[in-house]
């Protein structure tokens, strides 16, 4: 793995899991010391993260992008439209073996599974369903959308209740796809996405002051 890829993956993990706070400055001198590397791979990693909406150019240098409530609303509107159509396609195209593989992804999470693994599985579920549409543009665009709301979604998985609820909804969507009930699966998917959006926006709005106290930049 290249130094750029190592820097990118490590920085991305720190940002997504909120170990680097939204709005935090990223000085090149700190990054060079942290990664014990030269500026060239670090700048390449920052450029990639900027394209994903996770960092922004500041004055000077870079900063972790603030959590943007408007962007979250827009991304979830996009997800609702795209994922509803995706499950309709998947109902007609996915094989039983492919759906069994999705079920195995869900079943990999247990009560004692760490939060970061719950997060990965919840993301993989949506992206892997999109891959089964046999249209790579759906999978790529959905992967990008999930990245842009990744930090807000990370807040949600802190709660065991939220994790259990999401797991049950994912399971229901999968079973509707397996039963080839395209419209029911699309309706359930749209509802799941809307409920997730509403929960996130309400939580971020309610706890905006608390998040600022933690040093998190949240903008409307």
N, C-alpha and C. Protein backbone atom coordinates (compact mmCIF):
# COMPACT_ATOMS: atom_id res chain seq x y z
N UNK A 1 0.84 -1.19 0.00
CA UNK A 1 0.00 0.00 0.00
C UNK A 1 0.89 1.25 0.00
N UNK A 2 0.57 2.24 -0.83
CA UNK A 2 1.37 3.45 -0.96
C UNK A 2 1.23 4.33 0.28
N UNK A 3 2.18 5.24 0.45
CA UNK A 3 2.12 6.18 1.57
C UNK A 3 0.89 7.07 1.47
N UNK A 4 0.54 7.46 0.26
CA UNK A 4 -0.67 8.27 0.07
C UNK A 4 -1.90 7.52 0.54
N UNK A 5 -2.01 6.22 0.15
CA UNK A 5 -3.16 5.43 0.54
C UNK A 5 -3.22 5.23 2.05
N UNK A 6 -2.06 5.00 2.65
CA UNK A 6 -2.02 4.84 4.11
C UNK A 6 -2.48 6.12 4.81
N UNK A 7 -1.96 7.27 4.34
CA UNK A 7 -2.34 8.55 4.93
C UNK A 7 -3.83 8.82 4.73
N UNK A 8 -4.31 8.53 3.53
CA UNK A 8 -5.73 8.74 3.22
C UNK A 8 -6.61 7.90 4.14
N UNK A 9 -6.34 6.61 4.25
CA UNK A 9 -7.20 5.73 5.04
C UNK A 9 -7.17 6.08 6.52
N UNK A 10 -5.97 6.42 7.03
CA UNK A 10 -5.87 6.78 8.44
C UNK A 10 -6.59 8.08 8.73
N UNK A 11 -6.38 9.09 7.89
CA UNK A 11 -7.06 10.37 8.09
C UNK A 11 -8.57 10.22 7.96
N UNK A 12 -8.99 9.46 6.96
CA UNK A 12 -10.42 9.26 6.75
C UNK A 12 -11.07 8.61 7.98
N UNK A 13 -10.40 7.61 8.54
CA UNK A 13 -10.92 6.95 9.73
C UNK A 13 -11.02 7.92 10.90
N UNK A 14 -10.00 8.74 11.10
CA UNK A 14 -10.03 9.72 12.19
C UNK A 14 -11.15 10.74 12.02
N UNK A 15 -11.42 11.11 10.78
CA UNK A 15 -12.47 12.10 10.51
C UNK A 15 -13.86 11.48 10.68
N UNK A 16 -14.07 10.31 10.08
CA UNK A 16 -15.38 9.67 10.11
C UNK A 16 -15.79 9.31 11.53
N UNK A 17 -14.84 8.85 12.34
CA UNK A 17 -15.16 8.46 13.71
C UNK A 17 -15.07 9.63 14.69
N UNK A 18 -14.93 10.85 14.14
CA UNK A 18 -14.96 12.09 14.93
C UNK A 18 -13.80 12.23 15.90
N UNK A 19 -12.72 11.46 15.68
CA UNK A 19 -11.53 11.67 16.49
C UNK A 19 -10.83 12.97 16.08
N UNK A 20 -11.04 13.38 14.83
CA UNK A 20 -10.70 14.73 14.39
C UNK A 20 -12.03 15.46 14.25
N UNK A 21 -12.22 16.52 15.01
CA UNK A 21 -13.52 17.18 15.10
C UNK A 21 -13.84 17.98 13.85
N UNK A 22 -15.11 18.03 13.46
CA UNK A 22 -15.52 18.91 12.36
C UNK A 22 -15.09 20.35 12.66
N UNK A 23 -14.39 20.97 11.72
CA UNK A 23 -13.89 22.32 11.90
C UNK A 23 -12.46 22.38 12.40
N UNK A 24 -11.87 21.24 12.77
CA UNK A 24 -10.51 21.23 13.30
C UNK A 24 -9.49 21.52 12.20
N UNK A 25 -8.49 22.35 12.53
CA UNK A 25 -7.44 22.68 11.58
C UNK A 25 -6.48 21.51 11.40
N UNK A 26 -5.98 21.36 10.17
CA UNK A 26 -5.03 20.29 9.85
C UNK A 26 -3.78 20.94 9.29
N UNK A 27 -2.84 21.26 10.14
CA UNK A 27 -1.61 21.89 9.67
C UNK A 27 -0.70 20.84 9.03
N UNK A 28 0.01 21.25 7.99
CA UNK A 28 0.89 20.31 7.30
C UNK A 28 2.01 19.84 8.21
N UNK A 29 2.47 20.70 9.10
CA UNK A 29 3.54 20.29 10.01
C UNK A 29 3.06 19.20 10.96
N UNK A 30 1.82 19.33 11.45
CA UNK A 30 1.27 18.29 12.32
C UNK A 30 1.08 16.99 11.56
N UNK A 31 0.57 17.09 10.34
CA UNK A 31 0.34 15.90 9.54
C UNK A 31 1.66 15.19 9.22
N UNK A 32 2.70 15.95 8.89
CA UNK A 32 3.99 15.35 8.60
C UNK A 32 4.53 14.63 9.83
N UNK A 33 4.36 15.25 10.99
CA UNK A 33 4.83 14.62 12.23
C UNK A 33 4.01 13.38 12.56
N UNK A 34 2.70 13.46 12.38
CA UNK A 34 1.82 12.36 12.72
C UNK A 34 2.10 11.15 11.84
N UNK A 35 2.27 11.39 10.54
CA UNK A 35 2.47 10.29 9.61
C UNK A 35 3.94 9.98 9.36
N UNK A 36 4.81 10.83 9.91
CA UNK A 36 6.25 10.65 9.71
C UNK A 36 6.57 10.48 8.23
N UNK A 37 6.00 11.37 7.45
CA UNK A 37 6.21 11.29 6.00
C UNK A 37 6.36 12.66 5.39
N UNK A 38 6.55 12.69 4.08
CA UNK A 38 6.73 13.94 3.36
C UNK A 38 5.38 14.55 2.99
N UNK A 39 5.42 15.78 2.52
CA UNK A 39 4.19 16.49 2.20
C UNK A 39 3.48 15.95 0.97
N UNK A 40 4.23 15.39 0.02
CA UNK A 40 3.61 14.98 -1.25
C UNK A 40 2.49 13.97 -1.07
N UNK A 41 2.69 12.80 -0.39
CA UNK A 41 1.58 11.86 -0.22
C UNK A 41 0.48 12.42 0.68
N UNK A 42 0.84 13.26 1.65
CA UNK A 42 -0.17 13.84 2.54
C UNK A 42 -1.07 14.80 1.77
N UNK A 43 -0.47 15.62 0.92
CA UNK A 43 -1.28 16.54 0.11
C UNK A 43 -2.19 15.77 -0.85
N UNK A 44 -1.69 14.67 -1.40
CA UNK A 44 -2.52 13.84 -2.28
C UNK A 44 -3.70 13.26 -1.52
N UNK A 45 -3.44 12.79 -0.28
CA UNK A 45 -4.51 12.25 0.56
C UNK A 45 -5.54 13.32 0.89
N UNK A 46 -5.07 14.53 1.20
CA UNK A 46 -5.98 15.64 1.51
C UNK A 46 -6.83 16.01 0.29
N UNK A 47 -6.23 15.97 -0.88
CA UNK A 47 -6.99 16.26 -2.10
C UNK A 47 -8.11 15.26 -2.32
N UNK A 48 -7.83 14.01 -2.03
CA UNK A 48 -8.86 12.98 -2.19
C UNK A 48 -9.97 13.17 -1.16
N UNK A 49 -9.60 13.49 0.07
CA UNK A 49 -10.59 13.73 1.12
C UNK A 49 -11.42 14.98 0.83
N UNK A 50 -10.79 15.97 0.21
CA UNK A 50 -11.53 17.17 -0.17
C UNK A 50 -12.59 16.83 -1.22
N UNK A 51 -12.23 15.98 -2.17
CA UNK A 51 -13.19 15.58 -3.20
C UNK A 51 -14.37 14.82 -2.60
N UNK A 52 -14.15 14.15 -1.47
CA UNK A 52 -15.21 13.40 -0.79
C UNK A 52 -16.01 14.27 0.18
N UNK A 53 -15.63 15.53 0.32
CA UNK A 53 -16.38 16.43 1.19
C UNK A 53 -16.02 16.31 2.66
N UNK A 54 -14.90 15.66 2.98
CA UNK A 54 -14.53 15.46 4.38
C UNK A 54 -13.53 16.50 4.89
N UNK A 55 -12.79 17.15 4.00
CA UNK A 55 -11.93 18.26 4.40
C UNK A 55 -12.17 19.44 3.47
N UNK A 56 -11.78 20.62 3.93
CA UNK A 56 -11.90 21.84 3.14
C UNK A 56 -10.58 22.61 3.22
N UNK A 57 -10.34 23.41 2.21
CA UNK A 57 -9.18 24.29 2.26
C UNK A 57 -9.50 25.44 3.22
N UNK A 58 -8.57 25.69 4.14
CA UNK A 58 -8.74 26.78 5.08
C UNK A 58 -7.68 27.84 4.84
N UNK A 59 -7.58 28.77 5.77
CA UNK A 59 -6.56 29.81 5.70
C UNK A 59 -5.83 29.84 7.02
N UNK A 60 -4.64 29.25 7.08
CA UNK A 60 -3.95 28.53 5.99
C UNK A 60 -4.28 27.04 6.01
N UNK A 61 -3.80 26.32 5.02
CA UNK A 61 -3.89 24.86 5.01
C UNK A 61 -5.30 24.33 4.86
N UNK A 62 -5.52 23.19 5.52
CA UNK A 62 -6.80 22.48 5.43
C UNK A 62 -7.47 22.44 6.80
N UNK A 63 -8.76 22.13 6.78
CA UNK A 63 -9.52 21.90 7.99
C UNK A 63 -10.50 20.76 7.75
N UNK A 64 -10.88 20.07 8.81
CA UNK A 64 -11.93 19.06 8.70
C UNK A 64 -13.23 19.79 8.39
N UNK A 65 -13.95 19.33 7.38
CA UNK A 65 -15.19 20.00 6.98
C UNK A 65 -16.21 19.99 8.10
N UNK A 66 -16.92 21.11 8.34
CA UNK A 66 -18.00 21.11 9.32
C UNK A 66 -19.11 20.14 8.91
N UNK A 67 -19.90 19.70 9.87
CA UNK A 67 -21.11 18.94 9.55
C UNK A 67 -22.15 19.93 9.06
N UNK A 68 -22.64 19.72 7.86
CA UNK A 68 -23.54 20.66 7.19
C UNK A 68 -24.95 20.08 7.17
N UNK A 69 -25.87 20.68 7.93
CA UNK A 69 -27.23 20.16 8.01
C UNK A 69 -27.94 20.21 6.66
N UNK A 70 -27.69 21.25 5.88
CA UNK A 70 -28.31 21.36 4.57
C UNK A 70 -27.82 20.24 3.64
N UNK A 71 -26.53 19.97 3.70
CA UNK A 71 -25.99 18.90 2.86
C UNK A 71 -26.59 17.56 3.24
N UNK A 72 -26.76 17.32 4.54
CA UNK A 72 -27.36 16.07 5.00
C UNK A 72 -28.76 15.92 4.42
N UNK A 73 -29.54 17.00 4.48
CA UNK A 73 -30.90 16.96 3.94
C UNK A 73 -30.88 16.64 2.44
N UNK A 74 -29.96 17.26 1.72
CA UNK A 74 -29.88 17.04 0.28
C UNK A 74 -29.43 15.61 -0.05
N UNK A 75 -28.46 15.12 0.70
CA UNK A 75 -27.96 13.76 0.44
C UNK A 75 -29.06 12.73 0.68
N UNK A 76 -29.81 12.91 1.73
CA UNK A 76 -30.87 11.94 2.02
C UNK A 76 -32.00 12.00 1.00
N UNK A 77 -32.28 13.18 0.46
CA UNK A 77 -33.27 13.27 -0.62
C UNK A 77 -32.78 12.49 -1.84
N UNK A 78 -31.49 12.63 -2.13
CA UNK A 78 -30.88 11.88 -3.23
C UNK A 78 -30.96 10.38 -2.95
N UNK A 79 -30.59 9.97 -1.73
CA UNK A 79 -30.60 8.56 -1.38
C UNK A 79 -32.00 7.95 -1.50
N UNK A 80 -33.00 8.69 -1.06
CA UNK A 80 -34.37 8.15 -1.12
C UNK A 80 -34.77 7.83 -2.55
N UNK A 81 -34.45 8.74 -3.46
CA UNK A 81 -34.80 8.52 -4.87
C UNK A 81 -34.01 7.36 -5.47
N UNK A 82 -32.69 7.38 -5.26
CA UNK A 82 -31.83 6.37 -5.89
C UNK A 82 -32.06 4.99 -5.28
N UNK A 83 -32.09 4.89 -3.97
CA UNK A 83 -32.20 3.56 -3.35
C UNK A 83 -33.56 2.92 -3.59
N UNK A 84 -34.62 3.72 -3.71
CA UNK A 84 -35.93 3.15 -4.04
C UNK A 84 -35.89 2.48 -5.41
N UNK A 85 -35.26 3.14 -6.37
CA UNK A 85 -35.15 2.56 -7.70
C UNK A 85 -34.21 1.35 -7.70
N UNK A 86 -33.14 1.43 -6.92
CA UNK A 86 -32.19 0.33 -6.84
C UNK A 86 -32.86 -0.96 -6.40
N UNK A 87 -33.67 -0.89 -5.35
CA UNK A 87 -34.27 -2.15 -4.85
C UNK A 87 -35.27 -2.72 -5.84
N UNK A 88 -35.91 -1.85 -6.62
CA UNK A 88 -36.79 -2.37 -7.67
C UNK A 88 -35.99 -3.20 -8.67
N UNK A 89 -34.84 -2.68 -9.07
CA UNK A 89 -34.00 -3.40 -10.01
C UNK A 89 -33.46 -4.69 -9.40
N UNK A 90 -33.04 -4.61 -8.14
CA UNK A 90 -32.45 -5.77 -7.48
C UNK A 90 -33.47 -6.89 -7.32
N UNK A 91 -34.73 -6.53 -7.08
CA UNK A 91 -35.77 -7.55 -6.95
C UNK A 91 -35.86 -8.42 -8.21
N UNK A 92 -35.56 -7.82 -9.34
CA UNK A 92 -35.66 -8.54 -10.61
C UNK A 92 -34.36 -9.21 -11.03
N UNK A 93 -33.23 -8.80 -10.43
CA UNK A 93 -31.95 -9.25 -10.95
C UNK A 93 -31.12 -10.09 -9.99
N UNK A 94 -31.25 -9.87 -8.70
CA UNK A 94 -30.35 -10.53 -7.74
C UNK A 94 -30.65 -12.02 -7.64
N UNK A 95 -29.60 -12.81 -7.51
CA UNK A 95 -29.74 -14.25 -7.33
C UNK A 95 -29.86 -14.57 -5.85
N UNK A 96 -30.43 -15.73 -5.50
CA UNK A 96 -30.49 -16.13 -4.08
C UNK A 96 -29.12 -16.12 -3.41
N UNK A 97 -28.09 -16.56 -4.12
CA UNK A 97 -26.75 -16.59 -3.54
C UNK A 97 -26.26 -15.19 -3.22
N UNK A 98 -26.54 -14.24 -4.08
CA UNK A 98 -26.13 -12.85 -3.83
C UNK A 98 -26.85 -12.27 -2.62
N UNK A 99 -28.13 -12.60 -2.49
CA UNK A 99 -28.88 -12.11 -1.34
C UNK A 99 -28.44 -12.80 -0.05
N UNK A 100 -28.04 -14.06 -0.15
CA UNK A 100 -27.49 -14.76 1.02
C UNK A 100 -26.21 -14.07 1.49
N UNK A 101 -25.42 -13.58 0.55
CA UNK A 101 -24.19 -12.88 0.92
C UNK A 101 -24.49 -11.59 1.66
N UNK A 102 -25.56 -10.89 1.26
CA UNK A 102 -25.97 -9.68 1.99
C UNK A 102 -26.43 -10.05 3.40
N UNK A 103 -27.16 -11.15 3.51
CA UNK A 103 -27.62 -11.60 4.83
C UNK A 103 -26.42 -11.91 5.73
N UNK A 104 -25.39 -12.48 5.18
CA UNK A 104 -24.18 -12.77 5.97
C UNK A 104 -23.52 -11.49 6.47
N UNK A 105 -23.57 -10.44 5.67
CA UNK A 105 -23.04 -9.15 6.11
C UNK A 105 -23.79 -8.68 7.34
N UNK A 106 -25.11 -8.75 7.30
CA UNK A 106 -25.92 -8.33 8.45
C UNK A 106 -25.66 -9.21 9.66
N UNK A 107 -25.56 -10.52 9.44
CA UNK A 107 -25.41 -11.45 10.55
C UNK A 107 -24.04 -11.39 11.20
N UNK A 108 -23.10 -10.67 10.58
CA UNK A 108 -21.77 -10.57 11.16
C UNK A 108 -21.75 -9.68 12.41
N UNK A 109 -22.82 -8.91 12.61
CA UNK A 109 -22.90 -8.03 13.78
C UNK A 109 -23.66 -8.71 14.92
N UNK A 110 -23.05 -8.69 16.09
CA UNK A 110 -23.66 -9.24 17.30
C UNK A 110 -23.67 -8.15 18.37
N UNK A 111 -24.23 -8.47 19.53
CA UNK A 111 -24.36 -7.48 20.59
C UNK A 111 -23.02 -6.90 21.03
N UNK A 112 -21.96 -7.73 20.98
CA UNK A 112 -20.66 -7.26 21.44
C UNK A 112 -19.77 -6.75 20.30
N UNK A 113 -20.34 -6.58 19.11
CA UNK A 113 -19.58 -6.08 17.98
C UNK A 113 -19.25 -4.60 18.19
N UNK A 114 -18.00 -4.20 17.97
CA UNK A 114 -17.61 -2.79 18.17
C UNK A 114 -18.40 -1.84 17.26
N UNK A 115 -18.52 -0.59 17.70
CA UNK A 115 -19.29 0.40 16.96
C UNK A 115 -18.78 0.61 15.54
N UNK A 116 -17.45 0.58 15.37
CA UNK A 116 -16.92 0.82 14.03
C UNK A 116 -17.31 -0.28 13.06
N UNK A 117 -17.47 -1.50 13.56
CA UNK A 117 -17.90 -2.60 12.70
C UNK A 117 -19.39 -2.47 12.36
N UNK A 118 -20.20 -2.05 13.34
CA UNK A 118 -21.61 -1.78 13.05
C UNK A 118 -21.74 -0.73 11.95
N UNK A 119 -20.92 0.30 12.06
CA UNK A 119 -20.95 1.36 11.06
C UNK A 119 -20.59 0.82 9.68
N UNK A 120 -19.53 0.02 9.61
CA UNK A 120 -19.10 -0.53 8.33
C UNK A 120 -20.18 -1.41 7.72
N UNK A 121 -20.80 -2.26 8.53
CA UNK A 121 -21.84 -3.16 8.02
C UNK A 121 -23.05 -2.37 7.53
N UNK A 122 -23.45 -1.35 8.29
CA UNK A 122 -24.60 -0.54 7.88
C UNK A 122 -24.34 0.15 6.54
N UNK A 123 -23.10 0.60 6.34
CA UNK A 123 -22.74 1.21 5.06
C UNK A 123 -22.68 0.17 3.95
N UNK A 124 -22.03 -0.95 4.23
CA UNK A 124 -21.89 -2.00 3.22
C UNK A 124 -23.24 -2.52 2.76
N UNK A 125 -24.21 -2.61 3.67
CA UNK A 125 -25.53 -3.11 3.28
C UNK A 125 -26.09 -2.28 2.12
N UNK A 126 -26.09 -0.97 2.26
CA UNK A 126 -26.69 -0.11 1.23
C UNK A 126 -25.86 -0.14 -0.06
N UNK A 127 -24.55 -0.10 0.07
CA UNK A 127 -23.70 -0.07 -1.13
C UNK A 127 -23.74 -1.41 -1.87
N UNK A 128 -23.71 -2.52 -1.12
CA UNK A 128 -23.74 -3.84 -1.76
C UNK A 128 -25.08 -4.12 -2.43
N UNK A 129 -26.17 -3.65 -1.83
CA UNK A 129 -27.47 -3.76 -2.51
C UNK A 129 -27.41 -3.02 -3.84
N UNK A 130 -26.81 -1.83 -3.83
CA UNK A 130 -26.70 -1.05 -5.07
C UNK A 130 -25.87 -1.79 -6.11
N UNK A 131 -24.83 -2.48 -5.68
CA UNK A 131 -24.00 -3.24 -6.63
C UNK A 131 -24.82 -4.32 -7.34
N UNK A 132 -25.79 -4.88 -6.66
CA UNK A 132 -26.60 -5.94 -7.25
C UNK A 132 -27.54 -5.43 -8.34
N UNK A 133 -27.65 -4.10 -8.48
CA UNK A 133 -28.48 -3.53 -9.55
C UNK A 133 -27.83 -3.73 -10.91
N UNK A 134 -26.55 -4.11 -10.92
CA UNK A 134 -25.77 -4.31 -12.14
C UNK A 134 -25.55 -2.99 -12.88
N UNK A 135 -25.59 -1.89 -12.10
CA UNK A 135 -25.30 -0.57 -12.66
C UNK A 135 -24.26 0.09 -11.76
N UNK A 136 -23.00 0.14 -12.19
CA UNK A 136 -21.93 0.66 -11.32
C UNK A 136 -22.12 2.12 -10.94
N UNK A 137 -22.88 2.88 -11.73
CA UNK A 137 -23.09 4.28 -11.39
C UNK A 137 -23.93 4.42 -10.12
N UNK A 138 -24.88 3.53 -9.93
CA UNK A 138 -25.66 3.55 -8.69
C UNK A 138 -24.75 3.29 -7.49
N UNK A 139 -23.91 2.28 -7.59
CA UNK A 139 -23.05 1.91 -6.46
C UNK A 139 -22.06 3.02 -6.14
N UNK A 140 -21.45 3.61 -7.17
CA UNK A 140 -20.45 4.65 -6.93
C UNK A 140 -21.09 5.90 -6.34
N UNK A 141 -22.23 6.31 -6.89
CA UNK A 141 -22.87 7.53 -6.39
C UNK A 141 -23.40 7.34 -4.98
N UNK A 142 -23.88 6.15 -4.67
CA UNK A 142 -24.37 5.89 -3.32
C UNK A 142 -23.22 5.82 -2.32
N UNK A 143 -22.11 5.24 -2.74
CA UNK A 143 -20.93 5.19 -1.88
C UNK A 143 -20.47 6.61 -1.53
N UNK A 144 -20.47 7.49 -2.51
CA UNK A 144 -20.09 8.89 -2.28
C UNK A 144 -21.08 9.56 -1.35
N UNK A 145 -22.37 9.32 -1.56
CA UNK A 145 -23.40 9.93 -0.70
C UNK A 145 -23.25 9.48 0.75
N UNK A 146 -22.98 8.19 0.95
CA UNK A 146 -22.81 7.67 2.30
C UNK A 146 -21.59 8.29 2.98
N UNK A 147 -20.53 8.53 2.20
CA UNK A 147 -19.33 9.16 2.75
C UNK A 147 -19.64 10.57 3.24
N UNK A 148 -20.43 11.31 2.50
CA UNK A 148 -20.70 12.71 2.83
C UNK A 148 -21.54 12.87 4.10
N UNK A 149 -22.28 11.84 4.48
CA UNK A 149 -23.05 11.92 5.73
C UNK A 149 -22.47 10.96 6.78
N UNK A 150 -21.24 10.52 6.55
CA UNK A 150 -20.67 9.48 7.40
C UNK A 150 -20.55 9.89 8.86
N UNK A 151 -20.16 11.14 9.11
CA UNK A 151 -19.95 11.55 10.50
C UNK A 151 -21.27 11.67 11.26
N UNK A 152 -22.30 12.15 10.59
CA UNK A 152 -23.61 12.21 11.24
C UNK A 152 -24.13 10.80 11.50
N UNK A 153 -23.90 9.88 10.56
CA UNK A 153 -24.33 8.50 10.76
C UNK A 153 -23.54 7.84 11.89
N UNK A 154 -22.29 8.23 12.06
CA UNK A 154 -21.48 7.68 13.15
C UNK A 154 -22.11 8.02 14.50
N UNK A 155 -22.68 9.21 14.63
CA UNK A 155 -23.35 9.60 15.87
C UNK A 155 -24.50 8.64 16.18
N UNK A 156 -25.17 8.17 15.15
CA UNK A 156 -26.34 7.32 15.35
C UNK A 156 -25.98 5.96 15.90
N UNK A 157 -24.86 5.39 15.50
CA UNK A 157 -24.55 4.03 15.92
C UNK A 157 -24.03 3.95 17.35
N UNK A 158 -23.84 5.10 18.00
CA UNK A 158 -23.45 5.06 19.41
C UNK A 158 -24.54 4.41 20.26
N UNK A 159 -25.78 4.49 19.84
CA UNK A 159 -26.90 3.96 20.61
C UNK A 159 -27.20 2.52 20.20
N UNK A 160 -27.25 1.60 21.18
CA UNK A 160 -27.60 0.22 20.89
C UNK A 160 -29.01 0.12 20.31
N UNK A 161 -29.92 0.95 20.83
CA UNK A 161 -31.29 0.96 20.33
C UNK A 161 -31.33 1.33 18.85
N UNK A 162 -30.56 2.35 18.49
CA UNK A 162 -30.51 2.78 17.09
C UNK A 162 -29.92 1.69 16.21
N UNK A 163 -28.89 1.02 16.70
CA UNK A 163 -28.27 -0.06 15.92
C UNK A 163 -29.25 -1.20 15.70
N UNK A 164 -29.95 -1.58 16.76
CA UNK A 164 -30.91 -2.68 16.65
C UNK A 164 -32.03 -2.33 15.69
N UNK A 165 -32.50 -1.09 15.77
CA UNK A 165 -33.60 -0.66 14.89
C UNK A 165 -33.16 -0.68 13.43
N UNK A 166 -31.96 -0.16 13.16
CA UNK A 166 -31.46 -0.14 11.79
C UNK A 166 -31.27 -1.56 11.26
N UNK A 167 -30.73 -2.46 12.11
CA UNK A 167 -30.51 -3.84 11.69
C UNK A 167 -31.84 -4.50 11.31
N UNK A 168 -32.89 -4.28 12.12
CA UNK A 168 -34.20 -4.87 11.84
C UNK A 168 -34.77 -4.33 10.53
N UNK A 169 -34.59 -3.04 10.28
CA UNK A 169 -35.10 -2.46 9.03
C UNK A 169 -34.33 -2.99 7.82
N UNK A 170 -33.03 -3.13 7.96
CA UNK A 170 -32.24 -3.71 6.88
C UNK A 170 -32.69 -5.13 6.58
N UNK A 171 -32.92 -5.90 7.64
CA UNK A 171 -33.38 -7.28 7.47
C UNK A 171 -34.73 -7.32 6.75
N UNK A 172 -35.64 -6.42 7.11
CA UNK A 172 -36.96 -6.41 6.46
C UNK A 172 -36.83 -6.06 4.98
N UNK A 173 -36.01 -5.08 4.66
CA UNK A 173 -35.80 -4.72 3.26
C UNK A 173 -35.26 -5.91 2.48
N UNK A 174 -34.30 -6.59 3.07
CA UNK A 174 -33.70 -7.75 2.39
C UNK A 174 -34.73 -8.84 2.16
N UNK A 175 -35.57 -9.10 3.14
CA UNK A 175 -36.58 -10.16 2.98
C UNK A 175 -37.62 -9.79 1.92
N UNK A 176 -37.96 -8.51 1.81
CA UNK A 176 -38.88 -8.08 0.76
C UNK A 176 -38.24 -8.24 -0.62
N UNK A 177 -36.95 -7.96 -0.71
CA UNK A 177 -36.24 -8.19 -1.98
C UNK A 177 -36.22 -9.68 -2.30
N UNK A 178 -35.93 -10.49 -1.30
CA UNK A 178 -35.88 -11.93 -1.51
C UNK A 178 -37.24 -12.48 -1.98
N UNK A 179 -38.32 -11.86 -1.48
CA UNK A 179 -39.67 -12.28 -1.88
C UNK A 179 -40.09 -11.66 -3.21
N UNK A 180 -39.22 -10.86 -3.82
CA UNK A 180 -39.46 -10.21 -5.11
C UNK A 180 -40.66 -9.24 -5.05
N UNK A 181 -40.85 -8.63 -3.90
CA UNK A 181 -41.93 -7.65 -3.72
C UNK A 181 -41.34 -6.26 -3.95
N UNK A 182 -41.20 -5.91 -5.22
CA UNK A 182 -40.44 -4.73 -5.60
C UNK A 182 -41.01 -3.44 -5.02
N UNK A 183 -42.31 -3.22 -5.14
CA UNK A 183 -42.89 -1.97 -4.68
C UNK A 183 -42.87 -1.87 -3.16
N UNK A 184 -43.13 -2.98 -2.48
CA UNK A 184 -43.05 -2.97 -1.02
C UNK A 184 -41.63 -2.70 -0.55
N UNK A 185 -40.67 -3.30 -1.22
CA UNK A 185 -39.26 -3.08 -0.86
C UNK A 185 -38.88 -1.62 -1.10
N UNK A 186 -39.35 -1.04 -2.21
CA UNK A 186 -39.05 0.36 -2.50
C UNK A 186 -39.68 1.28 -1.46
N UNK A 187 -40.91 0.99 -1.08
CA UNK A 187 -41.60 1.80 -0.07
C UNK A 187 -40.89 1.71 1.28
N UNK A 188 -40.49 0.50 1.67
CA UNK A 188 -39.80 0.31 2.95
C UNK A 188 -38.43 0.99 2.93
N UNK A 189 -37.75 0.93 1.81
CA UNK A 189 -36.45 1.59 1.69
C UNK A 189 -36.59 3.10 1.82
N UNK A 190 -37.57 3.67 1.13
CA UNK A 190 -37.80 5.12 1.20
C UNK A 190 -38.12 5.54 2.63
N UNK A 191 -38.95 4.76 3.31
CA UNK A 191 -39.31 5.08 4.69
C UNK A 191 -38.08 5.01 5.60
N UNK A 192 -37.27 3.98 5.41
CA UNK A 192 -36.05 3.81 6.20
C UNK A 192 -35.11 5.01 6.02
N UNK A 193 -34.93 5.45 4.79
CA UNK A 193 -34.04 6.57 4.52
C UNK A 193 -34.60 7.86 5.13
N UNK A 194 -35.91 8.08 4.98
CA UNK A 194 -36.53 9.30 5.54
C UNK A 194 -36.42 9.32 7.06
N UNK A 195 -36.69 8.18 7.70
CA UNK A 195 -36.61 8.13 9.16
C UNK A 195 -35.18 8.38 9.64
N UNK A 196 -34.21 7.84 8.92
CA UNK A 196 -32.81 8.08 9.29
C UNK A 196 -32.48 9.56 9.16
N UNK A 197 -32.94 10.17 8.08
CA UNK A 197 -32.70 11.61 7.88
C UNK A 197 -33.32 12.43 9.00
N UNK A 198 -34.58 12.14 9.30
CA UNK A 198 -35.28 12.92 10.33
C UNK A 198 -34.60 12.77 11.69
N UNK A 199 -34.17 11.53 12.00
CA UNK A 199 -33.51 11.29 13.29
C UNK A 199 -32.21 12.08 13.36
N UNK A 200 -31.43 12.02 12.30
CA UNK A 200 -30.14 12.71 12.30
C UNK A 200 -30.30 14.22 12.42
N UNK A 201 -31.19 14.78 11.61
CA UNK A 201 -31.36 16.23 11.63
C UNK A 201 -31.89 16.73 12.96
N UNK A 202 -32.84 15.98 13.54
CA UNK A 202 -33.37 16.38 14.84
C UNK A 202 -32.29 16.29 15.92
N UNK A 203 -31.54 15.21 15.91
CA UNK A 203 -30.49 15.03 16.91
C UNK A 203 -29.43 16.12 16.80
N UNK A 204 -29.00 16.40 15.58
CA UNK A 204 -27.98 17.42 15.38
C UNK A 204 -28.50 18.81 15.76
N UNK A 205 -29.78 19.06 15.48
CA UNK A 205 -30.36 20.35 15.84
C UNK A 205 -30.51 20.48 17.35
N UNK A 206 -31.00 19.40 17.99
CA UNK A 206 -31.22 19.43 19.44
C UNK A 206 -29.92 19.56 20.22
N UNK A 207 -28.87 18.90 19.71
CA UNK A 207 -27.61 18.86 20.46
C UNK A 207 -26.53 19.72 19.83
N UNK A 208 -26.96 20.67 19.02
CA UNK A 208 -25.99 21.51 18.32
C UNK A 208 -25.09 22.26 19.31
N UNK A 209 -25.69 22.80 20.36
CA UNK A 209 -24.88 23.53 21.35
C UNK A 209 -23.91 22.60 22.05
N UNK A 210 -24.38 21.39 22.40
CA UNK A 210 -23.49 20.43 23.06
C UNK A 210 -22.35 20.03 22.14
N UNK A 211 -22.65 19.83 20.87
CA UNK A 211 -21.62 19.46 19.90
C UNK A 211 -20.58 20.57 19.75
N UNK A 212 -21.05 21.81 19.79
CA UNK A 212 -20.11 22.93 19.71
C UNK A 212 -19.21 22.96 20.93
N UNK A 213 -19.77 22.59 22.08
CA UNK A 213 -18.97 22.54 23.30
C UNK A 213 -17.84 21.53 23.15
N UNK A 214 -18.11 20.43 22.42
CA UNK A 214 -17.09 19.42 22.16
C UNK A 214 -16.10 19.86 21.08
N UNK A 215 -16.35 21.02 20.50
CA UNK A 215 -15.46 21.51 19.46
C UNK A 215 -15.89 21.12 18.06
N UNK A 216 -17.14 20.61 17.90
CA UNK A 216 -17.63 20.19 16.59
C UNK A 216 -18.30 21.37 15.89
N UNK A 217 -17.89 21.65 14.67
CA UNK A 217 -18.51 22.70 13.87
C UNK A 217 -19.71 22.12 13.13
N UNK A 218 -20.89 22.66 13.40
CA UNK A 218 -22.13 22.24 12.74
C UNK A 218 -22.75 23.48 12.13
N UNK A 219 -22.99 23.46 10.81
CA UNK A 219 -23.55 24.63 10.13
C UNK A 219 -24.87 24.26 9.52
N UNK A 220 -25.74 25.29 9.39
CA UNK A 220 -27.06 25.08 8.81
C UNK A 220 -27.01 25.33 7.31
